[in-house]
Amino acid sequence: MASERVAYVNGEIVPESQASISIHDRGFLQGYSVFDTTRTFNHKIFKLDEHLHRFYNSLKYARLDPGMDISQMAQITMQVLETNLPLINNDDDYWVTQRVSRGISGPDGEMPTVIVESVPLPFAARAKYYKDGMPVVIPSVRRTPPEVLSPRAKIQNYANLVQAEFEVKDKNPDGWPILLDMNGNLCEGPGSNFFIVKNGAVVTPREQFVLAGISRATTIELAQELGIETREEDIDLYDAYTADESFVTSTSFCICPVSSINGSLVGDSKTVPGPVTSRLLAAYSGLVGIDIQGQYLSRL
């Protein structure tokens, strides 16, 4: 058994301590790279095909060629994951990430950098959100508009989101940023989509203005299977403040209840998660074969 995790870097699977890229890599020099991330449940990868399909759409948008097709990327992903699985406990799971940058220019033209890696999910650090709910804080930093860069492509340049996170953490160290778009509507946060529940309906911003999250799509599908009305529409601050419930979705969280927005309690936040969020979280747990909330709460 390996003593440390491995990663795939430009054709080789190497120990992470030996993984390196050029100082001239344009992913570093220009912030120009694309990535996608899925996770495991009970050590089994979830919706890899969907994540890789989105990844390759992002690559096409960014005009990056990884030099391999989706099936090869899937094989490498599974090889890295299976090598690293023995290094975590039975009740732990991994984030699994693929990255492609512009790499360096060589005599033969473009030489993209291709990386596949896995890191343990931060259950202990995020368990508090499942116990008390997530305090959402809306920063002054606005989300990069789609006229500048499409949010539907998963671009590695997170400067916009990181600046928002810095601002939020200064106000509330536990706060989670959800950014407004240029029209003043709530859109998304770092690696996360935003939802509200109003009069029994689940509402989320339109896909044109946010990353089309796999967890977002899964949640919408589950809601429809449960007979819960779903809508994609603009959500302004009034909608958020008067919502009955709210939650975020992401690869790691799946579904995580929101307790407050800018300090204003969401609905009856004495009960977190609320009834609709609880139904969706239970359905998601049934889909992946693990108690999602319980996996986090067990780390408290």
Protein backbone atom coordinates (compact mmCIF):
# COMPACT_ATOMS: atom_id res chain seq x y z
CA MET A 1 0.00 0.00 0.00
CA ALA A 2 1.26 3.49 -0.85
CA SER A 3 2.33 5.64 2.10
CA GLU A 4 1.09 8.88 0.54
CA ARG A 5 -1.51 9.92 -1.98
CA VAL A 6 -0.65 9.91 -5.66
CA ALA A 7 -1.64 12.25 -8.47
CA TYR A 8 -1.57 12.09 -12.24
CA VAL A 9 0.60 14.81 -13.77
CA ASN A 10 1.25 14.98 -17.51
CA GLY A 11 1.32 11.29 -18.27
CA GLU A 12 2.69 9.98 -14.97
CA ILE A 13 1.17 8.87 -11.68
CA VAL A 14 3.50 10.09 -8.96
CA PRO A 15 3.45 10.60 -5.17
CA GLU A 16 1.98 14.01 -4.37
CA SER A 17 5.28 15.09 -2.79
CA GLN A 18 6.93 14.62 -6.18
CA ALA A 19 4.19 16.27 -8.25
CA SER A 20 5.30 19.54 -9.85
CA ILE A 21 4.58 21.88 -12.75
CA SER A 22 6.71 24.44 -14.57
CA ILE A 23 7.09 27.96 -13.18
CA HIS A 24 6.15 29.04 -16.72
CA ASP A 25 2.82 27.19 -16.66
CA ARG A 26 0.13 29.60 -17.80
CA GLY A 27 -2.31 28.18 -15.32
CA PHE A 28 -0.08 29.93 -12.78
CA LEU A 29 1.05 32.91 -14.87
CA GLN A 30 -2.38 33.76 -16.27
CA GLY A 31 -4.81 31.85 -14.07
CA TYR A 32 -5.96 30.09 -17.22
CA SER A 33 -7.15 26.60 -16.41
CA VAL A 34 -10.30 24.52 -16.20
CA PHE A 35 -11.28 21.95 -13.59
CA ASP A 36 -14.07 19.75 -12.37
CA THR A 37 -14.63 17.91 -9.11
CA THR A 38 -16.77 15.01 -8.01
CA ARG A 39 -16.76 13.08 -4.74
CA THR A 40 -17.12 9.61 -3.38
CA PHE A 41 -19.81 8.14 -1.15
CA ASN A 42 -18.74 5.04 0.75
CA HIS A 43 -15.60 5.20 -1.42
CA LYS A 44 -17.62 4.98 -4.65
CA ILE A 45 -17.38 7.85 -7.11
CA PHE A 46 -20.63 9.67 -7.87
CA LYS A 47 -21.79 10.76 -11.34
CA LEU A 48 -18.32 10.74 -12.88
CA ASP A 49 -19.77 10.69 -16.41
CA GLU A 50 -21.82 13.84 -15.78
CA HIS A 51 -18.86 15.66 -14.24
CA LEU A 52 -16.54 14.71 -17.08
CA HIS A 53 -19.11 15.76 -19.67
CA ARG A 54 -19.29 19.20 -18.02
CA PHE A 55 -15.49 19.24 -17.76
CA TYR A 56 -15.06 18.65 -21.48
CA ASN A 57 -17.65 21.33 -22.27
CA SER A 58 -15.65 23.74 -20.10
CA LEU A 59 -12.47 22.72 -21.93
CA LYS A 60 -14.11 23.38 -25.28
CA TYR A 61 -15.31 26.81 -24.12
CA ALA A 62 -11.80 27.63 -22.87
CA ARG A 63 -10.18 26.25 -26.05
CA LEU A 64 -8.06 23.78 -24.12
CA ASP A 65 -7.15 20.35 -25.47
CA PRO A 66 -6.22 17.79 -22.78
CA GLY A 67 -4.80 15.41 -25.39
CA MET A 68 -7.12 12.58 -24.37
CA ASP A 69 -10.77 11.69 -24.69
CA ILE A 70 -13.33 11.37 -21.91
CA SER A 71 -12.88 7.61 -21.56
CA GLN A 72 -9.13 7.99 -21.02
CA MET A 73 -9.72 10.74 -18.46
CA ALA A 74 -12.18 8.47 -16.66
CA GLN A 75 -9.67 5.60 -16.57
CA ILE A 76 -6.95 7.84 -15.12
CA THR A 77 -9.38 9.25 -12.58
CA MET A 78 -10.33 5.78 -11.36
CA GLN A 79 -6.69 4.68 -11.22
CA VAL A 80 -5.74 7.65 -9.03
CA LEU A 81 -8.77 7.18 -6.80
CA GLU A 82 -8.32 3.44 -6.33
CA THR A 83 -4.64 3.92 -5.45
CA ASN A 84 -5.54 6.53 -2.83
CA LEU A 85 -8.59 4.87 -1.25
CA PRO A 86 -6.61 2.61 1.15
CA LEU A 87 -5.16 5.76 2.76
CA ILE A 88 -8.45 6.95 4.28
CA ASN A 89 -10.74 5.47 6.92
CA ASN A 90 -13.93 3.65 6.01
CA ASP A 91 -16.07 6.62 7.08
CA ASP A 92 -14.05 9.15 5.06
CA ASP A 93 -14.49 10.11 1.42
CA TYR A 94 -12.63 11.98 -1.29
CA TRP A 95 -12.99 14.96 -3.52
CA VAL A 96 -11.70 13.83 -6.94
CA THR A 97 -10.54 16.59 -9.29
CA GLN A 98 -9.38 16.89 -12.89
CA ARG A 99 -7.47 20.02 -13.99
CA VAL A 100 -6.15 21.22 -17.34
CA SER A 101 -4.19 24.44 -17.78
CA ARG A 102 -2.73 26.12 -20.86
CA GLY A 103 0.61 24.76 -19.72
CA ILE A 104 3.71 26.05 -21.49
CA SER A 105 4.57 26.87 -25.08
CA GLY A 106 7.13 24.54 -26.64
CA PRO A 107 8.77 24.21 -30.04
CA ASP A 108 5.89 21.96 -31.07
CA GLY A 109 3.20 24.40 -29.94
CA GLU A 110 0.86 24.26 -26.95
CA MET A 111 1.67 21.80 -24.16
CA PRO A 112 -1.30 21.77 -21.74
CA THR A 113 -0.81 20.57 -18.18
CA VAL A 114 -3.14 17.75 -17.12
CA ILE A 115 -3.61 16.84 -13.44
CA VAL A 116 -5.89 14.38 -11.64
CA GLU A 117 -5.87 14.36 -7.84
CA SER A 118 -7.93 13.47 -4.79
CA VAL A 119 -8.12 15.00 -1.31
CA PRO A 120 -10.20 13.97 1.73
CA LEU A 121 -13.46 15.83 2.23
CA PRO A 122 -13.41 18.35 5.14
CA PHE A 123 -16.22 16.81 7.19
CA ALA A 124 -14.99 18.07 10.57
CA ALA A 125 -14.51 21.66 9.41
CA ARG A 126 -17.98 21.85 7.87
CA ALA A 127 -20.01 19.77 10.33
CA LYS A 128 -21.21 22.94 12.11
CA TYR A 129 -23.31 23.86 9.08
CA TYR A 130 -25.42 20.72 9.45
CA LYS A 131 -25.86 21.27 13.18
CA ASP A 132 -26.77 24.96 13.22
CA GLY A 133 -27.34 25.78 9.57
CA MET A 134 -25.18 27.89 7.29
CA PRO A 135 -25.04 31.65 7.88
CA VAL A 136 -25.03 33.17 4.40
CA VAL A 137 -23.48 36.61 4.02
CA ILE A 138 -23.89 38.65 0.85
CA PRO A 139 -20.70 40.58 0.05
CA SER A 140 -20.35 43.84 -1.86
CA VAL A 141 -18.27 41.98 -4.45
CA ARG A 142 -20.49 41.11 -7.43
CA ARG A 143 -20.24 37.92 -9.47
CA THR A 144 -18.37 38.15 -12.74
CA PRO A 145 -21.12 38.79 -15.33
CA PRO A 146 -21.74 36.29 -18.13
CA GLU A 147 -20.96 39.02 -20.67
CA VAL A 148 -17.35 38.88 -19.41
CA LEU A 149 -16.87 35.17 -18.68
CA SER A 150 -19.50 32.46 -18.74
CA PRO A 151 -20.21 31.08 -15.26
CA ARG A 152 -21.38 27.88 -16.94
CA ALA A 153 -17.74 26.90 -17.57
CA LYS A 154 -15.81 25.76 -14.50
CA ILE A 155 -12.80 28.07 -14.80
CA GLN A 156 -10.07 27.82 -12.16
CA ASN A 157 -9.68 31.61 -11.82
CA TYR A 158 -11.52 32.13 -8.52
CA ALA A 159 -10.21 35.65 -7.78
CA ASN A 160 -13.74 37.07 -7.87
CA LEU A 161 -15.07 34.43 -5.47
CA VAL A 162 -12.02 34.55 -3.20
CA GLN A 163 -12.32 38.33 -2.80
CA ALA A 164 -15.94 37.79 -1.79
CA GLU A 165 -14.87 35.11 0.68
CA PHE A 166 -12.28 37.41 2.28
CA GLU A 167 -14.92 40.10 2.79
CA VAL A 168 -17.43 37.65 4.27
CA LYS A 169 -14.93 36.01 6.63
CA ASP A 170 -13.98 39.45 7.99
CA LYS A 171 -17.63 39.93 8.97
CA ASN A 172 -18.37 36.38 10.10
CA PRO A 173 -15.66 33.69 10.23
CA ASP A 174 -18.34 31.03 9.73
CA GLY A 175 -20.15 32.92 6.98
CA TRP A 176 -20.67 31.52 3.50
CA PRO A 177 -20.69 34.02 0.62
CA ILE A 178 -23.49 34.11 -1.91
CA LEU A 179 -22.81 36.80 -4.49
CA LEU A 180 -25.21 39.13 -6.25
CA ASP A 181 -25.15 39.51 -10.00
CA MET A 182 -24.87 42.95 -11.64
CA ASN A 183 -28.67 43.31 -11.47
CA GLY A 184 -28.80 42.76 -7.72
CA ASN A 185 -30.09 39.19 -7.81
CA LEU A 186 -28.53 36.38 -5.79
CA CYS A 187 -26.63 33.96 -7.99
CA GLU A 188 -24.02 31.63 -6.44
CA GLY A 189 -21.12 31.16 -4.03
CA PRO A 190 -17.74 29.44 -4.18
CA GLY A 191 -18.48 26.05 -5.74
CA SER A 192 -22.10 26.25 -4.62
CA ASN A 193 -25.58 26.96 -5.95
CA PHE A 194 -28.28 28.79 -3.99
CA PHE A 195 -31.93 27.80 -3.44
CA ILE A 196 -34.90 29.14 -1.54
CA VAL A 197 -38.19 27.47 -0.64
CA LYS A 198 -41.29 29.68 -0.88
CA ASN A 199 -44.87 28.44 -0.42
CA GLY A 200 -43.71 24.86 -0.93
CA ALA A 201 -41.86 25.55 -4.21
CA VAL A 202 -38.10 25.20 -4.68
CA VAL A 203 -36.60 28.18 -6.51
CA THR A 204 -33.06 28.67 -7.83
CA PRO A 205 -31.38 31.23 -10.12
CA ARG A 206 -31.49 30.61 -13.85
CA GLU A 207 -28.72 28.47 -15.32
CA GLN A 208 -27.60 31.26 -17.65
CA PHE A 209 -26.16 33.16 -14.69
CA VAL A 210 -24.63 30.36 -12.60
CA LEU A 211 -22.55 27.23 -12.91
CA ALA A 212 -24.80 24.34 -13.89
CA GLY A 213 -23.96 22.35 -10.78
CA ILE A 214 -24.33 18.58 -10.90
CA SER A 215 -25.64 18.68 -7.32
CA ARG A 216 -28.02 21.46 -8.37
CA ALA A 217 -29.38 19.31 -11.20
CA THR A 218 -29.62 16.26 -8.92
CA THR A 219 -31.59 18.26 -6.36
CA ILE A 220 -34.02 19.55 -9.00
CA GLU A 221 -34.55 16.00 -10.28
CA LEU A 222 -35.20 14.71 -6.75
CA ALA A 223 -37.64 17.54 -6.06
CA GLN A 224 -39.58 16.72 -9.21
CA GLU A 225 -39.68 13.04 -8.27
CA LEU A 226 -41.09 14.04 -4.88
CA GLY A 227 -43.77 16.17 -6.53
CA ILE A 228 -42.23 19.42 -5.29
CA GLU A 229 -42.64 22.37 -7.66
CA THR A 230 -39.32 23.69 -9.00
CA ARG A 231 -38.66 27.01 -10.72
CA GLU A 232 -35.64 28.78 -12.16
CA GLU A 233 -36.01 32.54 -11.78
CA ASP A 234 -34.36 35.67 -10.41
CA ILE A 235 -34.06 35.78 -6.62
CA ASP A 236 -33.63 39.26 -5.13
CA LEU A 237 -32.91 40.17 -1.53
CA TYR A 238 -36.61 40.51 -0.73
CA ASP A 239 -37.20 36.95 -1.94
CA ALA A 240 -34.28 35.69 0.13
CA TYR A 241 -35.29 37.51 3.32
CA THR A 242 -38.90 36.33 3.09
CA ALA A 243 -38.17 32.72 2.09
CA ASP A 244 -39.59 29.89 4.18
CA GLU A 245 -36.36 27.89 3.82
CA SER A 246 -33.05 28.16 2.03
CA PHE A 247 -30.19 25.83 1.22
CA VAL A 248 -27.07 25.54 -0.92
CA THR A 249 -25.97 22.63 -3.06
CA SER A 250 -22.42 21.60 -3.91
CA THR A 251 -20.36 18.50 -4.60
CA SER A 252 -19.19 18.24 -1.00
CA PHE A 253 -22.33 19.43 0.81
CA CYS A 254 -24.87 17.89 -1.57
CA ILE A 255 -27.59 19.87 0.24
CA CYS A 256 -26.80 22.11 3.21
CA PRO A 257 -29.45 24.14 5.09
CA VAL A 258 -29.11 27.92 5.40
CA SER A 259 -30.03 29.38 8.79
CA SER A 260 -29.65 33.10 8.08
CA ILE A 261 -28.98 35.62 5.33
CA ASN A 262 -27.06 38.72 6.39
CA GLY A 263 -28.04 37.92 9.97
CA SER A 264 -31.76 37.68 9.17
CA LEU A 265 -33.16 34.29 10.17
CA VAL A 266 -34.59 32.21 7.35
CA GLY A 267 -38.18 31.18 8.11
CA ASP A 268 -38.38 29.24 11.36
CA SER A 269 -34.65 28.68 11.72
CA LYS A 270 -35.21 27.02 15.06
CA THR A 271 -35.77 23.95 12.90
CA VAL A 272 -32.78 23.37 10.62
CA PRO A 273 -33.16 21.93 8.08
CA GLY A 274 -36.76 22.88 7.31
CA PRO A 275 -39.37 20.36 6.14
CA VAL A 276 -38.82 20.68 2.38
CA THR A 277 -35.03 20.76 2.73
CA SER A 278 -35.26 17.70 5.00
CA ARG A 279 -37.23 15.77 2.38
CA LEU A 280 -34.70 16.63 -0.30
CA LEU A 281 -31.75 15.78 1.93
CA ALA A 282 -33.32 12.42 2.79
CA ALA A 283 -33.93 11.70 -0.90
CA TYR A 284 -30.35 12.66 -1.76
CA SER A 285 -29.06 10.41 1.03
CA GLY A 286 -31.16 7.56 -0.35
CA LEU A 287 -29.75 8.13 -3.82
CA VAL A 288 -26.10 7.98 -2.71
CA GLY A 289 -26.59 5.29 -0.07
CA ILE A 290 -25.28 7.27 2.89
CA ASP A 291 -26.71 9.59 5.56
CA ILE A 292 -25.20 12.84 4.26
CA GLN A 293 -26.06 14.93 7.31
CA GLY A 294 -25.02 12.12 9.64
CA GLN A 295 -21.62 11.78 7.97
CA TYR A 296 -20.89 15.41 8.81
CA LEU A 297 -22.45 15.41 12.29
CA SER A 298 -20.44 12.35 13.31
CA ARG A 299 -17.33 14.58 13.30
CA LEU A 300 -18.60 16.92 16.00
